[in-house]
């Protein structure tokens, strides 16, 4: 007897009422792989959930690490800035000490530049420059520029009265040479006497050494005196 549509519908209704029949029919019709698929899907879903949790945890750790690195970078920047300020203060103190040393021992350091050397007191220099301003030899601005010189001294060179103007730096650079030459010219203009420009320090940059030769500026480096090829006086 053929199996009709009505028979199929009756079977479906019977299976809906009898769970055991439905499970048995499923077992007969489906392979083991297909039957286990729901469990596999559940396991995959659980694994995906665990993976999502792990990714979330790692993301949080990465954010914490990034924040820590940002704080570390900020600390390093602060440390570098503090070190730079310390170096600047130490450099300033060392530079000031070197200037004082050159003023106090000017006769020793500059003995090859001038003989009978005597450092001009700053107050005395100011009064002398005031007289030059009154005489119209220099302007008030030029007087102020001369007063910024690190060392001003007077003495004798080739049996003639002369002055020297020295700029003192730990490392003599081109700007030190320029200031020494400029202030020496102004002082010569103010006094009407020869003035020698000197750049003094512990060492000199190559550029400054070349500029000193060209401008006729003496170099005094830790007691070693280098006369320009074409002396100013």
N, C-alpha and C. Protein backbone atom coordinates (compact mmCIF):
# COMPACT_ATOMS: atom_id res chain seq x y z
N UNK A 1 0.86 -1.19 0.00
CA UNK A 1 0.00 0.00 0.00
C UNK A 1 0.89 1.23 0.00
N UNK A 2 0.69 2.12 -0.93
CA UNK A 2 1.57 3.30 -1.01
C UNK A 2 1.39 4.23 0.19
N UNK A 3 2.49 4.92 0.51
CA UNK A 3 2.50 5.91 1.63
C UNK A 3 2.05 7.25 1.06
N UNK A 4 0.85 7.70 1.53
CA UNK A 4 0.25 8.91 0.96
C UNK A 4 0.61 10.13 1.78
N UNK A 5 0.17 11.25 1.23
CA UNK A 5 0.39 12.52 1.93
C UNK A 5 -0.35 12.51 3.25
N UNK A 6 -1.54 11.94 3.22
CA UNK A 6 -2.33 11.90 4.47
C UNK A 6 -1.60 11.07 5.51
N UNK A 7 -0.99 9.94 5.06
CA UNK A 7 -0.23 9.12 6.00
C UNK A 7 0.94 9.93 6.59
N UNK A 8 1.59 10.72 5.74
CA UNK A 8 2.73 11.53 6.22
C UNK A 8 2.28 12.55 7.26
N UNK A 9 1.10 13.15 6.98
CA UNK A 9 0.59 14.15 7.91
C UNK A 9 0.22 13.50 9.25
N UNK A 10 -0.32 12.28 9.16
CA UNK A 10 -0.65 11.56 10.39
C UNK A 10 0.61 11.24 11.17
N UNK A 11 1.71 10.88 10.43
CA UNK A 11 2.97 10.57 11.08
C UNK A 11 3.54 11.81 11.78
N UNK A 12 3.42 12.94 11.10
CA UNK A 12 3.94 14.19 11.68
C UNK A 12 3.23 14.51 12.98
N UNK A 13 1.87 14.35 12.96
CA UNK A 13 1.10 14.64 14.17
C UNK A 13 1.48 13.69 15.30
N UNK A 14 1.72 12.43 14.92
CA UNK A 14 2.11 11.44 15.94
C UNK A 14 3.48 11.77 16.53
N UNK A 15 4.40 12.21 15.67
CA UNK A 15 5.74 12.55 16.15
C UNK A 15 5.69 13.77 17.06
N UNK A 16 4.79 14.71 16.76
CA UNK A 16 4.68 15.90 17.60
C UNK A 16 4.18 15.56 19.00
N UNK A 17 3.42 14.46 19.09
CA UNK A 17 2.88 14.05 20.38
C UNK A 17 3.83 13.14 21.13
N UNK A 18 4.74 12.46 20.39
CA UNK A 18 5.61 11.48 21.02
C UNK A 18 7.07 11.89 20.80
N UNK A 19 7.66 12.50 21.82
CA UNK A 19 9.05 12.99 21.72
C UNK A 19 10.03 11.86 21.47
N UNK A 20 9.76 10.69 22.05
CA UNK A 20 10.69 9.58 21.87
C UNK A 20 10.73 9.14 20.42
N UNK A 21 9.53 9.11 19.78
CA UNK A 21 9.50 8.74 18.35
C UNK A 21 10.30 9.76 17.54
N UNK A 22 10.08 11.04 17.88
CA UNK A 22 10.77 12.09 17.11
C UNK A 22 12.30 11.97 17.25
N UNK A 23 12.78 11.67 18.47
CA UNK A 23 14.22 11.53 18.69
C UNK A 23 14.76 10.33 17.92
N UNK A 24 13.98 9.22 17.93
CA UNK A 24 14.43 8.03 17.22
C UNK A 24 14.48 8.27 15.72
N UNK A 25 13.46 8.94 15.19
CA UNK A 25 13.44 9.26 13.76
C UNK A 25 14.61 10.18 13.40
N UNK A 26 14.89 11.14 14.27
CA UNK A 26 16.03 12.04 14.02
C UNK A 26 17.33 11.26 13.98
N UNK A 27 17.46 10.27 14.91
CA UNK A 27 18.68 9.47 14.95
C UNK A 27 18.85 8.66 13.68
N UNK A 28 17.73 8.16 13.16
CA UNK A 28 17.79 7.34 11.95
C UNK A 28 18.08 8.18 10.71
N UNK A 29 17.56 9.37 10.67
CA UNK A 29 17.69 10.20 9.47
C UNK A 29 19.00 11.00 9.44
N UNK A 30 19.52 11.43 10.62
CA UNK A 30 20.68 12.32 10.66
C UNK A 30 21.93 11.54 11.03
N UNK A 31 23.07 12.03 10.52
CA UNK A 31 24.36 11.44 10.87
C UNK A 31 24.76 11.89 12.28
N UNK A 32 25.77 11.20 12.85
CA UNK A 32 26.27 11.57 14.17
C UNK A 32 26.81 13.00 14.16
N UNK A 33 27.46 13.38 13.03
CA UNK A 33 28.00 14.73 12.94
C UNK A 33 26.91 15.78 13.01
N UNK A 34 25.82 15.52 12.29
CA UNK A 34 24.71 16.48 12.30
C UNK A 34 24.04 16.52 13.66
N UNK A 35 23.94 15.35 14.28
CA UNK A 35 23.31 15.32 15.59
C UNK A 35 24.12 16.07 16.64
N UNK A 36 25.45 16.00 16.47
CA UNK A 36 26.30 16.69 17.46
C UNK A 36 26.51 18.16 17.13
N UNK A 37 25.99 18.61 15.99
CA UNK A 37 26.20 19.99 15.57
C UNK A 37 25.69 21.01 16.59
N UNK A 38 24.51 20.86 17.17
CA UNK A 38 24.09 21.84 18.18
C UNK A 38 25.07 21.96 19.34
N UNK A 39 25.61 20.81 19.77
CA UNK A 39 26.58 20.85 20.86
C UNK A 39 27.85 21.57 20.42
N UNK A 40 28.27 21.30 19.18
CA UNK A 40 29.45 21.98 18.65
C UNK A 40 29.23 23.49 18.59
N UNK A 41 28.02 23.87 18.15
CA UNK A 41 27.70 25.30 18.06
C UNK A 41 27.73 25.93 19.45
N UNK A 42 27.18 25.21 20.43
CA UNK A 42 27.19 25.75 21.80
C UNK A 42 28.62 25.91 22.31
N UNK A 43 29.45 24.90 22.00
CA UNK A 43 30.84 24.98 22.44
C UNK A 43 31.58 26.13 21.75
N UNK A 44 31.28 26.30 20.46
CA UNK A 44 31.89 27.42 19.74
C UNK A 44 31.43 28.76 20.31
N UNK A 45 30.16 28.83 20.64
CA UNK A 45 29.64 30.06 21.23
C UNK A 45 30.32 30.36 22.56
N UNK A 46 30.50 29.27 23.36
CA UNK A 46 31.16 29.46 24.65
C UNK A 46 32.61 29.90 24.45
N UNK A 47 33.29 29.26 23.46
CA UNK A 47 34.68 29.63 23.18
C UNK A 47 34.77 31.07 22.71
N UNK A 48 33.79 31.46 21.87
CA UNK A 48 33.76 32.84 21.40
C UNK A 48 33.57 33.83 22.54
N UNK A 49 32.73 33.46 23.48
CA UNK A 49 32.50 34.31 24.64
C UNK A 49 33.78 34.45 25.46
N UNK A 50 34.48 33.28 25.66
CA UNK A 50 35.73 33.34 26.41
C UNK A 50 36.77 34.18 25.67
N UNK A 51 36.80 34.02 24.33
CA UNK A 51 37.74 34.81 23.54
C UNK A 51 37.44 36.30 23.64
N UNK A 52 36.16 36.64 23.60
CA UNK A 52 35.78 38.05 23.72
C UNK A 52 36.21 38.62 25.07
N UNK A 53 36.03 37.80 26.11
CA UNK A 53 36.45 38.24 27.44
C UNK A 53 37.97 38.44 27.50
N UNK A 54 38.72 37.51 26.86
CA UNK A 54 40.17 37.61 26.85
C UNK A 54 40.62 38.84 26.08
N UNK A 55 39.97 39.09 24.93
CA UNK A 55 40.31 40.28 24.14
C UNK A 55 40.02 41.54 24.94
N UNK A 56 38.87 41.55 25.63
CA UNK A 56 38.54 42.71 26.45
C UNK A 56 39.57 42.93 27.54
N UNK A 57 40.01 41.81 28.15
CA UNK A 57 41.03 41.90 29.22
C UNK A 57 42.35 42.42 28.66
N UNK A 58 42.74 41.87 27.50
CA UNK A 58 43.99 42.32 26.88
C UNK A 58 43.90 43.79 26.47
N UNK A 59 42.74 44.20 25.96
CA UNK A 59 42.56 45.61 25.57
C UNK A 59 42.72 46.52 26.77
N UNK A 60 42.18 46.09 27.91
CA UNK A 60 42.31 46.88 29.14
C UNK A 60 43.76 46.95 29.58
N UNK A 61 44.48 45.81 29.45
CA UNK A 61 45.89 45.79 29.82
C UNK A 61 46.71 46.70 28.89
N UNK A 62 46.35 46.67 27.59
CA UNK A 62 47.05 47.54 26.64
C UNK A 62 46.80 49.00 26.97
N UNK A 63 45.56 49.34 27.32
CA UNK A 63 45.26 50.72 27.71
C UNK A 63 46.04 51.12 28.96
N UNK A 64 46.11 50.21 29.93
CA UNK A 64 46.87 50.50 31.15
C UNK A 64 48.36 50.67 30.84
N UNK A 65 48.87 49.79 29.93
CA UNK A 65 50.27 49.90 29.54
C UNK A 65 50.54 51.22 28.82
N UNK A 66 49.61 51.61 27.91
CA UNK A 66 49.77 52.87 27.20
C UNK A 66 49.77 54.05 28.17
N UNK A 67 48.87 53.98 29.17
CA UNK A 67 48.83 55.05 30.17
C UNK A 67 50.12 55.09 30.98
N UNK A 68 50.64 53.90 31.31
CA UNK A 68 51.90 53.84 32.07
C UNK A 68 53.06 54.41 31.25
N UNK A 69 53.07 54.06 29.95
CA UNK A 69 54.13 54.58 29.08
C UNK A 69 54.01 56.09 28.94
N UNK A 70 52.78 56.59 28.87
CA UNK A 70 52.59 58.04 28.78
C UNK A 70 53.11 58.73 30.04
N UNK A 71 52.81 58.12 31.20
CA UNK A 71 53.31 58.70 32.46
C UNK A 71 54.82 58.63 32.51
N UNK A 72 55.38 57.50 32.04
CA UNK A 72 56.84 57.36 32.03
C UNK A 72 57.48 58.39 31.11
N UNK A 73 56.87 58.60 29.92
CA UNK A 73 57.40 59.60 28.99
C UNK A 73 57.36 60.99 29.60
N UNK A 74 56.27 61.28 30.31
CA UNK A 74 56.16 62.58 30.97
C UNK A 74 57.22 62.72 32.06
N UNK A 75 57.43 61.64 32.82
CA UNK A 75 58.46 61.67 33.86
C UNK A 75 59.85 61.89 33.25
N UNK A 76 60.10 61.20 32.11
CA UNK A 76 61.40 61.35 31.45
C UNK A 76 61.58 62.78 30.96
N UNK A 77 60.51 63.35 30.37
CA UNK A 77 60.59 64.75 29.91
C UNK A 77 60.87 65.69 31.08
N UNK A 78 60.19 65.43 32.20
CA UNK A 78 60.43 66.27 33.38
C UNK A 78 61.86 66.12 33.87
N UNK A 79 62.35 64.87 33.84
CA UNK A 79 63.72 64.62 34.29
C UNK A 79 64.73 65.30 33.38
N UNK A 80 64.49 65.21 32.07
CA UNK A 80 65.39 65.86 31.11
C UNK A 80 65.38 67.37 31.30
N UNK A 81 64.17 67.93 31.49
CA UNK A 81 64.06 69.38 31.71
C UNK A 81 64.78 69.79 32.99
N UNK A 82 64.60 68.98 34.06
CA UNK A 82 65.27 69.30 35.32
C UNK A 82 66.78 69.21 35.17
N UNK A 83 67.23 68.17 34.42
CA UNK A 83 68.67 68.04 34.19
C UNK A 83 69.21 69.21 33.39
N UNK A 84 68.41 69.65 32.39
CA UNK A 84 68.85 70.79 31.58
C UNK A 84 68.95 72.05 32.44
N UNK A 85 67.94 72.24 33.33
CA UNK A 85 68.00 73.41 34.21
C UNK A 85 69.20 73.33 35.14
N UNK A 86 69.47 72.12 35.64
CA UNK A 86 70.64 71.94 36.51
C UNK A 86 71.92 72.23 35.75
N UNK A 87 72.00 71.69 34.52
CA UNK A 87 73.19 71.94 33.71
C UNK A 87 73.36 73.43 33.41
N UNK A 88 72.21 74.10 33.14
CA UNK A 88 72.28 75.54 32.86
C UNK A 88 72.78 76.30 34.08
N UNK A 89 72.25 75.92 35.26
CA UNK A 89 72.68 76.60 36.48
C UNK A 89 74.15 76.35 36.75
N UNK A 90 74.56 75.07 36.58
CA UNK A 90 75.97 74.75 36.81
C UNK A 90 76.85 75.45 35.79
N UNK A 91 76.38 75.46 34.52
CA UNK A 91 77.14 76.15 33.49
C UNK A 91 77.24 77.64 33.77
N UNK A 92 76.12 78.22 34.26
CA UNK A 92 76.15 79.64 34.60
C UNK A 92 77.11 79.93 35.75
N UNK A 93 77.05 79.05 36.78
CA UNK A 93 77.96 79.23 37.91
C UNK A 93 79.41 79.04 37.48
N UNK A 94 79.64 78.03 36.64
CA UNK A 94 81.00 77.78 36.18
C UNK A 94 81.50 78.93 35.32
N UNK A 95 80.59 79.45 34.46
CA UNK A 95 80.97 80.59 33.63
C UNK A 95 81.26 81.83 34.46
N UNK A 96 80.41 82.08 35.47
CA UNK A 96 80.64 83.23 36.34
C UNK A 96 81.95 83.09 37.10
N UNK A 97 82.23 81.86 37.55
CA UNK A 97 83.49 81.63 38.27
C UNK A 97 84.69 81.86 37.36
N UNK A 98 84.54 81.45 36.08
CA UNK A 98 85.65 81.65 35.14
C UNK A 98 85.87 83.15 34.88
N UNK A 99 84.80 83.92 34.74
CA UNK A 99 84.93 85.37 34.56
C UNK A 99 85.65 85.99 35.75
N UNK A 100 85.20 85.60 36.95
CA UNK A 100 85.83 86.15 38.16
C UNK A 100 87.32 85.80 38.20
N UNK A 101 87.63 84.55 37.80
CA UNK A 101 89.03 84.12 37.81
C UNK A 101 89.87 84.95 36.84
N UNK A 102 89.33 85.24 35.67
CA UNK A 102 90.07 86.03 34.70
C UNK A 102 90.24 87.48 35.17
N UNK A 103 89.23 88.02 35.87
CA UNK A 103 89.38 89.38 36.40
C UNK A 103 90.42 89.41 37.52
N UNK A 104 90.33 88.44 38.43
CA UNK A 104 91.23 88.45 39.58
C UNK A 104 92.68 88.17 39.18
N UNK A 105 92.89 87.38 38.14
CA UNK A 105 94.24 87.01 37.73
C UNK A 105 94.56 87.55 36.34
N UNK A 106 93.99 88.71 36.05
CA UNK A 106 94.15 89.30 34.71
C UNK A 106 95.63 89.50 34.35
N UNK A 107 96.43 89.93 35.31
CA UNK A 107 97.85 90.18 35.02
C UNK A 107 98.55 88.92 34.56
N UNK A 108 98.13 87.77 35.09
CA UNK A 108 98.75 86.51 34.68
C UNK A 108 98.22 86.04 33.34
N UNK A 109 96.90 86.08 33.17
CA UNK A 109 96.31 85.58 31.93
C UNK A 109 96.65 86.43 30.71
N UNK A 110 96.70 87.76 30.91
CA UNK A 110 96.85 88.66 29.77
C UNK A 110 98.24 89.31 29.69
N UNK A 111 99.22 88.71 30.35
CA UNK A 111 100.54 89.34 30.40
C UNK A 111 101.19 89.43 29.02
N UNK A 112 100.87 88.55 28.09
CA UNK A 112 101.43 88.63 26.76
C UNK A 112 100.72 89.65 25.89
N UNK A 113 99.55 90.09 26.34
CA UNK A 113 98.79 91.08 25.58
C UNK A 113 99.20 92.49 26.00
N UNK A 114 99.23 92.73 27.32
CA UNK A 114 99.62 94.03 27.84
C UNK A 114 100.57 93.83 29.02
N UNK A 115 101.52 94.71 29.15
CA UNK A 115 102.36 94.74 30.35
C UNK A 115 101.83 95.82 31.29
N UNK A 116 102.30 95.80 32.51
CA UNK A 116 101.84 96.76 33.53
C UNK A 116 100.31 96.81 33.57
N UNK A 117 99.73 95.65 33.48
CA UNK A 117 98.27 95.56 33.32
C UNK A 117 97.55 95.82 34.65
N UNK A 118 96.45 96.56 34.54
CA UNK A 118 95.60 96.82 35.71
C UNK A 118 94.15 96.78 35.25
N UNK A 119 93.34 95.97 35.94
CA UNK A 119 91.92 95.88 35.60
C UNK A 119 91.23 97.19 35.95
N UNK A 120 90.44 97.69 35.04
CA UNK A 120 89.70 98.93 35.27
C UNK A 120 88.45 98.61 36.08
N UNK A 121 88.33 99.21 37.24
CA UNK A 121 87.16 99.03 38.09
C UNK A 121 85.91 99.45 37.32
N UNK A 122 84.81 98.72 37.56
CA UNK A 122 83.59 98.98 36.81
C UNK A 122 83.06 100.39 37.05
N UNK A 123 83.14 100.86 38.27
CA UNK A 123 82.68 102.22 38.57
C UNK A 123 83.57 103.24 37.89
N UNK A 124 84.87 103.00 37.93
CA UNK A 124 85.80 103.90 37.26
C UNK A 124 85.54 103.92 35.76
N UNK A 125 85.27 102.74 35.20
CA UNK A 125 84.98 102.66 33.77
C UNK A 125 83.72 103.44 33.42
N UNK A 126 82.71 103.34 34.28
CA UNK A 126 81.47 104.07 34.03
C UNK A 126 81.68 105.57 33.99
N UNK A 127 82.47 106.08 34.95
CA UNK A 127 82.75 107.52 34.99
C UNK A 127 83.52 107.95 33.75
N UNK A 128 84.51 107.14 33.37
CA UNK A 128 85.31 107.45 32.18
C UNK A 128 84.43 107.48 30.93
N UNK A 129 83.50 106.54 30.85
CA UNK A 129 82.62 106.49 29.68
C UNK A 129 81.60 107.64 29.70
N UNK A 130 81.19 108.06 30.91
CA UNK A 130 80.31 109.23 30.99
C UNK A 130 80.99 110.45 30.38
N UNK A 131 82.29 110.60 30.67
CA UNK A 131 83.04 111.72 30.09
C UNK A 131 83.06 111.62 28.57
N UNK A 132 83.19 110.38 28.06
CA UNK A 132 83.20 110.18 26.61
C UNK A 132 81.85 110.50 26.00
N UNK A 133 80.79 110.17 26.71
CA UNK A 133 79.44 110.50 26.22
C UNK A 133 79.26 112.02 26.20
N UNK A 134 79.68 112.69 27.29
CA UNK A 134 79.57 114.15 27.35
C UNK A 134 80.36 114.82 26.24
N UNK A 135 81.49 114.18 25.87
CA UNK A 135 82.32 114.76 24.81
C UNK A 135 81.81 114.42 23.42
N UNK A 136 80.77 113.58 23.35
CA UNK A 136 80.21 113.21 22.06
C UNK A 136 81.00 112.13 21.34
N UNK A 137 81.92 111.46 22.06
CA UNK A 137 82.72 110.42 21.42
C UNK A 137 81.90 109.14 21.20
N UNK A 138 81.01 108.85 22.13
CA UNK A 138 80.14 107.68 22.02
C UNK A 138 78.75 108.07 22.50
N UNK A 139 77.78 107.24 22.22
CA UNK A 139 76.41 107.47 22.69
C UNK A 139 76.18 106.73 24.01
N UNK A 140 75.06 107.03 24.63
CA UNK A 140 74.72 106.33 25.88
C UNK A 140 74.54 104.84 25.65
N UNK A 141 73.96 104.50 24.49
CA UNK A 141 73.77 103.08 24.16
C UNK A 141 75.13 102.39 24.00
N UNK A 142 76.06 103.07 23.37
CA UNK A 142 77.40 102.48 23.20
C UNK A 142 78.12 102.36 24.53
N UNK A 143 77.90 103.32 25.42
CA UNK A 143 78.47 103.22 26.77
C UNK A 143 77.94 101.95 27.46
N UNK A 144 76.63 101.73 27.36
CA UNK A 144 76.04 100.54 27.97
C UNK A 144 76.62 99.26 27.39
N UNK A 145 76.89 99.25 26.11
CA UNK A 145 77.46 98.05 25.47
C UNK A 145 78.87 97.78 26.00
N UNK A 146 79.68 98.82 26.15
CA UNK A 146 81.04 98.62 26.68
C UNK A 146 80.99 98.10 28.10
N UNK A 147 80.06 98.62 28.90
CA UNK A 147 79.96 98.20 30.31
C UNK A 147 79.58 96.73 30.46
N UNK A 148 79.07 96.11 29.40
CA UNK A 148 78.72 94.69 29.46
C UNK A 148 79.94 93.78 29.29
N UNK A 149 81.08 94.35 28.94
CA UNK A 149 82.29 93.54 28.74
C UNK A 149 82.67 92.82 30.04
N UNK A 150 83.19 91.61 29.90
CA UNK A 150 83.55 90.82 31.09
C UNK A 150 84.79 91.37 31.78
N UNK A 151 85.79 91.78 31.02
CA UNK A 151 87.02 92.34 31.60
C UNK A 151 87.47 93.53 30.76
N UNK A 152 87.75 94.63 31.43
CA UNK A 152 88.39 95.78 30.78
C UNK A 152 89.64 96.11 31.58
N UNK A 153 90.76 96.21 30.90
CA UNK A 153 92.02 96.48 31.60
C UNK A 153 92.84 97.48 30.78
N UNK A 154 93.75 98.15 31.48
CA UNK A 154 94.67 99.07 30.79
C UNK A 154 96.10 98.67 31.12
N UNK A 155 97.02 99.04 30.22
CA UNK A 155 98.42 98.71 30.43
C UNK A 155 99.27 99.33 29.33
N UNK A 156 100.34 98.64 29.01
CA UNK A 156 101.27 99.16 28.00
C UNK A 156 101.51 98.08 26.95
N UNK A 157 101.60 98.53 25.71
CA UNK A 157 101.97 97.62 24.62
C UNK A 157 102.87 98.39 23.67
N UNK A 158 104.07 97.83 23.45
CA UNK A 158 105.06 98.49 22.59
C UNK A 158 105.29 99.93 23.07
N UNK A 159 105.48 100.05 24.39
CA UNK A 159 105.79 101.35 25.01
C UNK A 159 104.69 102.37 24.80
N UNK A 160 103.47 101.91 24.58
CA UNK A 160 102.34 102.81 24.37
C UNK A 160 101.19 102.39 25.26
N UNK A 161 100.50 103.40 25.85
CA UNK A 161 99.32 103.10 26.66
C UNK A 161 98.25 102.43 25.79
N UNK A 162 97.59 101.43 26.34
CA UNK A 162 96.55 100.72 25.58
C UNK A 162 95.58 100.06 26.56
N UNK A 163 94.46 99.64 26.03
CA UNK A 163 93.44 98.91 26.79
C UNK A 163 93.24 97.54 26.15
N UNK A 164 92.59 96.68 26.91
CA UNK A 164 92.07 95.43 26.33
C UNK A 164 90.64 95.23 26.82
N UNK A 165 89.84 94.64 25.96
CA UNK A 165 88.47 94.25 26.30
C UNK A 165 88.36 92.75 26.06
N UNK A 166 87.98 92.02 27.11
CA UNK A 166 87.92 90.56 27.01
C UNK A 166 86.50 90.05 27.23
N UNK A 167 86.11 89.12 26.39
CA UNK A 167 84.88 88.37 26.59
C UNK A 167 85.27 86.97 27.04
N UNK A 168 84.69 86.51 28.16
CA UNK A 168 85.07 85.23 28.76
C UNK A 168 83.91 84.25 28.69
N UNK A 169 84.16 83.06 28.14
CA UNK A 169 83.16 81.99 28.07
C UNK A 169 83.87 80.65 28.24
N UNK A 170 83.13 79.69 28.76
CA UNK A 170 83.71 78.35 28.87
C UNK A 170 84.17 77.86 27.50
N UNK A 171 83.27 78.01 26.51
CA UNK A 171 83.60 77.67 25.13
C UNK A 171 83.44 78.95 24.30
N UNK A 172 84.53 79.45 23.79
CA UNK A 172 84.51 80.68 23.00
C UNK A 172 83.89 80.37 21.65
N UNK A 173 82.80 81.07 21.32
CA UNK A 173 82.17 80.87 20.02
C UNK A 173 82.24 82.15 19.19
N UNK A 174 81.65 82.11 18.01
CA UNK A 174 81.74 83.23 17.09
C UNK A 174 81.10 84.49 17.68
N UNK A 175 80.06 84.33 18.47
CA UNK A 175 79.41 85.49 19.08
C UNK A 175 80.32 86.17 20.10
N UNK A 176 81.08 85.38 20.85
CA UNK A 176 82.04 85.96 21.80
C UNK A 176 83.09 86.79 21.06
N UNK A 177 83.56 86.27 19.94
CA UNK A 177 84.55 86.99 19.13
C UNK A 177 83.95 88.29 18.61
N UNK A 178 82.71 88.21 18.13
CA UNK A 178 82.07 89.41 17.59
C UNK A 178 81.91 90.47 18.67
N UNK A 179 81.45 90.06 19.88
CA UNK A 179 81.26 91.04 20.95
C UNK A 179 82.59 91.66 21.37
N UNK A 180 83.63 90.84 21.48
CA UNK A 180 84.94 91.37 21.88
C UNK A 180 85.43 92.42 20.88
N UNK A 181 85.31 92.11 19.60
CA UNK A 181 85.77 93.05 18.57
C UNK A 181 84.94 94.32 18.57
N UNK A 182 83.62 94.17 18.71
CA UNK A 182 82.74 95.34 18.69
C UNK A 182 82.98 96.25 19.90
N UNK A 183 83.08 95.66 21.09
CA UNK A 183 83.26 96.47 22.30
C UNK A 183 84.65 97.10 22.35
N UNK A 184 85.64 96.42 21.77
CA UNK A 184 86.98 97.01 21.70
C UNK A 184 86.97 98.25 20.80
N UNK A 185 86.27 98.15 19.68
CA UNK A 185 86.18 99.32 18.78
C UNK A 185 85.50 100.50 19.48
N UNK A 186 84.43 100.20 20.22
CA UNK A 186 83.72 101.28 20.91
C UNK A 186 84.59 101.92 21.99
N UNK A 187 85.34 101.08 22.73
CA UNK A 187 86.19 101.64 23.78
C UNK A 187 87.32 102.47 23.16
N UNK A 188 87.84 102.04 22.03
CA UNK A 188 88.88 102.84 21.36
C UNK A 188 88.30 104.17 20.90
N UNK A 189 87.05 104.13 20.45
CA UNK A 189 86.38 105.36 20.04
C UNK A 189 86.19 106.29 21.24
N UNK A 190 85.90 105.68 22.42
CA UNK A 190 85.65 106.48 23.62
C UNK A 190 86.94 107.06 24.20
N UNK A 191 88.05 106.32 24.14
CA UNK A 191 89.29 106.74 24.80
C UNK A 191 90.30 107.39 23.86
N UNK A 192 90.17 107.07 22.58
CA UNK A 192 91.16 107.58 21.62
C UNK A 192 92.49 106.86 21.73
N UNK A 193 92.54 105.75 22.44
CA UNK A 193 93.76 104.97 22.61
C UNK A 193 93.56 103.57 22.02
N UNK A 194 94.65 102.86 21.69
CA UNK A 194 94.53 101.51 21.15
C UNK A 194 93.84 100.58 22.14
N UNK A 195 92.97 99.74 21.61
CA UNK A 195 92.26 98.75 22.43
C UNK A 195 92.36 97.40 21.74
N UNK A 196 92.82 96.41 22.47
CA UNK A 196 92.94 95.06 21.91
C UNK A 196 91.73 94.22 22.35
N UNK A 197 91.16 93.51 21.41
CA UNK A 197 90.02 92.62 21.69
C UNK A 197 90.54 91.24 22.02
N UNK A 198 89.96 90.64 23.09
CA UNK A 198 90.39 89.32 23.54
C UNK A 198 89.16 88.44 23.76
N UNK A 199 89.22 87.21 23.28
CA UNK A 199 88.21 86.19 23.59
C UNK A 199 88.89 85.13 24.43
N UNK A 200 88.40 84.92 25.66
CA UNK A 200 89.08 84.02 26.60
C UNK A 200 88.14 82.92 27.05
N UNK A 201 88.71 81.76 27.35
CA UNK A 201 87.91 80.64 27.84
C UNK A 201 88.74 79.40 27.95
N UNK A 202 88.06 78.26 27.96
CA UNK A 202 88.77 76.98 28.07
C UNK A 202 89.08 76.38 26.71
N UNK A 203 88.17 76.60 25.77
CA UNK A 203 88.45 76.16 24.41
C UNK A 203 87.67 77.04 23.45
N UNK A 204 87.99 76.92 22.17
CA UNK A 204 87.39 77.77 21.16
C UNK A 204 86.88 76.90 20.03
N UNK A 205 85.72 77.28 19.45
CA UNK A 205 85.19 76.53 18.32
C UNK A 205 86.02 76.85 17.07
N UNK A 206 86.06 75.95 16.10
CA UNK A 206 86.80 76.23 14.87
C UNK A 206 86.33 77.50 14.17
N UNK A 207 85.02 77.71 14.12
CA UNK A 207 84.49 78.91 13.48
C UNK A 207 84.97 80.17 14.20
N UNK A 208 84.91 80.15 15.53
CA UNK A 208 85.35 81.31 16.30
C UNK A 208 86.84 81.56 16.11
N UNK A 209 87.62 80.50 16.01
CA UNK A 209 89.06 80.67 15.80
C UNK A 209 89.34 81.36 14.47
N UNK A 210 88.62 80.96 13.43
CA UNK A 210 88.79 81.60 12.13
C UNK A 210 88.34 83.07 12.17
N UNK A 211 87.20 83.31 12.84
CA UNK A 211 86.69 84.69 12.94
C UNK A 211 87.67 85.57 13.72
N UNK A 212 88.28 85.00 14.76
CA UNK A 212 89.23 85.77 15.57
C UNK A 212 90.44 86.17 14.73
N UNK A 213 90.93 85.27 13.92
CA UNK A 213 92.05 85.59 13.04
C UNK A 213 91.67 86.73 12.09
N UNK A 214 90.48 86.63 11.52
CA UNK A 214 90.05 87.63 10.55
C UNK A 214 89.82 88.99 11.21
N UNK A 215 89.33 88.99 12.44
CA UNK A 215 88.97 90.25 13.11
C UNK A 215 90.10 90.81 13.97
N UNK A 216 91.23 90.11 14.04
CA UNK A 216 92.33 90.59 14.86
C UNK A 216 92.07 90.47 16.34
N UNK A 217 91.34 89.41 16.73
CA UNK A 217 90.99 89.20 18.14
C UNK A 217 91.96 88.17 18.75
N UNK A 218 92.55 88.52 19.88
CA UNK A 218 93.41 87.59 20.60
C UNK A 218 92.57 86.48 21.22
N UNK A 219 93.16 85.29 21.38
CA UNK A 219 92.52 84.18 22.08
C UNK A 219 93.39 83.78 23.27
N UNK A 220 92.77 83.72 24.43
CA UNK A 220 93.47 83.27 25.63
C UNK A 220 92.70 82.07 26.16
N UNK A 221 93.30 80.88 26.04
CA UNK A 221 92.61 79.63 26.35
C UNK A 221 93.35 78.89 27.46
N UNK A 222 92.78 78.97 28.67
CA UNK A 222 93.41 78.33 29.83
C UNK A 222 94.89 78.72 29.97
N UNK A 223 95.15 80.00 29.78
CA UNK A 223 96.51 80.49 29.95
C UNK A 223 97.34 80.45 28.67
N UNK A 224 96.87 79.76 27.64
CA UNK A 224 97.60 79.72 26.37
C UNK A 224 97.15 80.88 25.50
N UNK A 225 98.08 81.73 25.09
CA UNK A 225 97.74 82.94 24.36
C UNK A 225 97.99 82.71 22.86
N UNK A 226 96.99 83.01 22.05
CA UNK A 226 97.10 82.90 20.60
C UNK A 226 96.88 84.29 20.00
N UNK A 227 97.95 84.82 19.44
CA UNK A 227 97.89 86.14 18.85
C UNK A 227 97.32 86.06 17.44
N UNK A 228 96.45 87.01 17.07
CA UNK A 228 95.92 86.96 15.70
C UNK A 228 97.01 87.22 14.68
N UNK A 229 96.78 86.74 13.47
CA UNK A 229 97.78 86.91 12.42
C UNK A 229 98.05 88.37 12.14
N UNK A 230 96.99 89.18 12.24
CA UNK A 230 97.12 90.62 12.03
C UNK A 230 96.64 91.33 13.27
N UNK A 231 97.50 91.53 14.26
CA UNK A 231 97.07 92.11 15.54
C UNK A 231 96.40 93.46 15.36
N UNK A 232 95.45 93.71 16.26
CA UNK A 232 94.75 95.00 16.21
C UNK A 232 95.66 96.13 16.59
N UNK A 233 96.70 95.84 17.35
CA UNK A 233 97.63 96.88 17.75
C UNK A 233 98.99 96.26 17.94
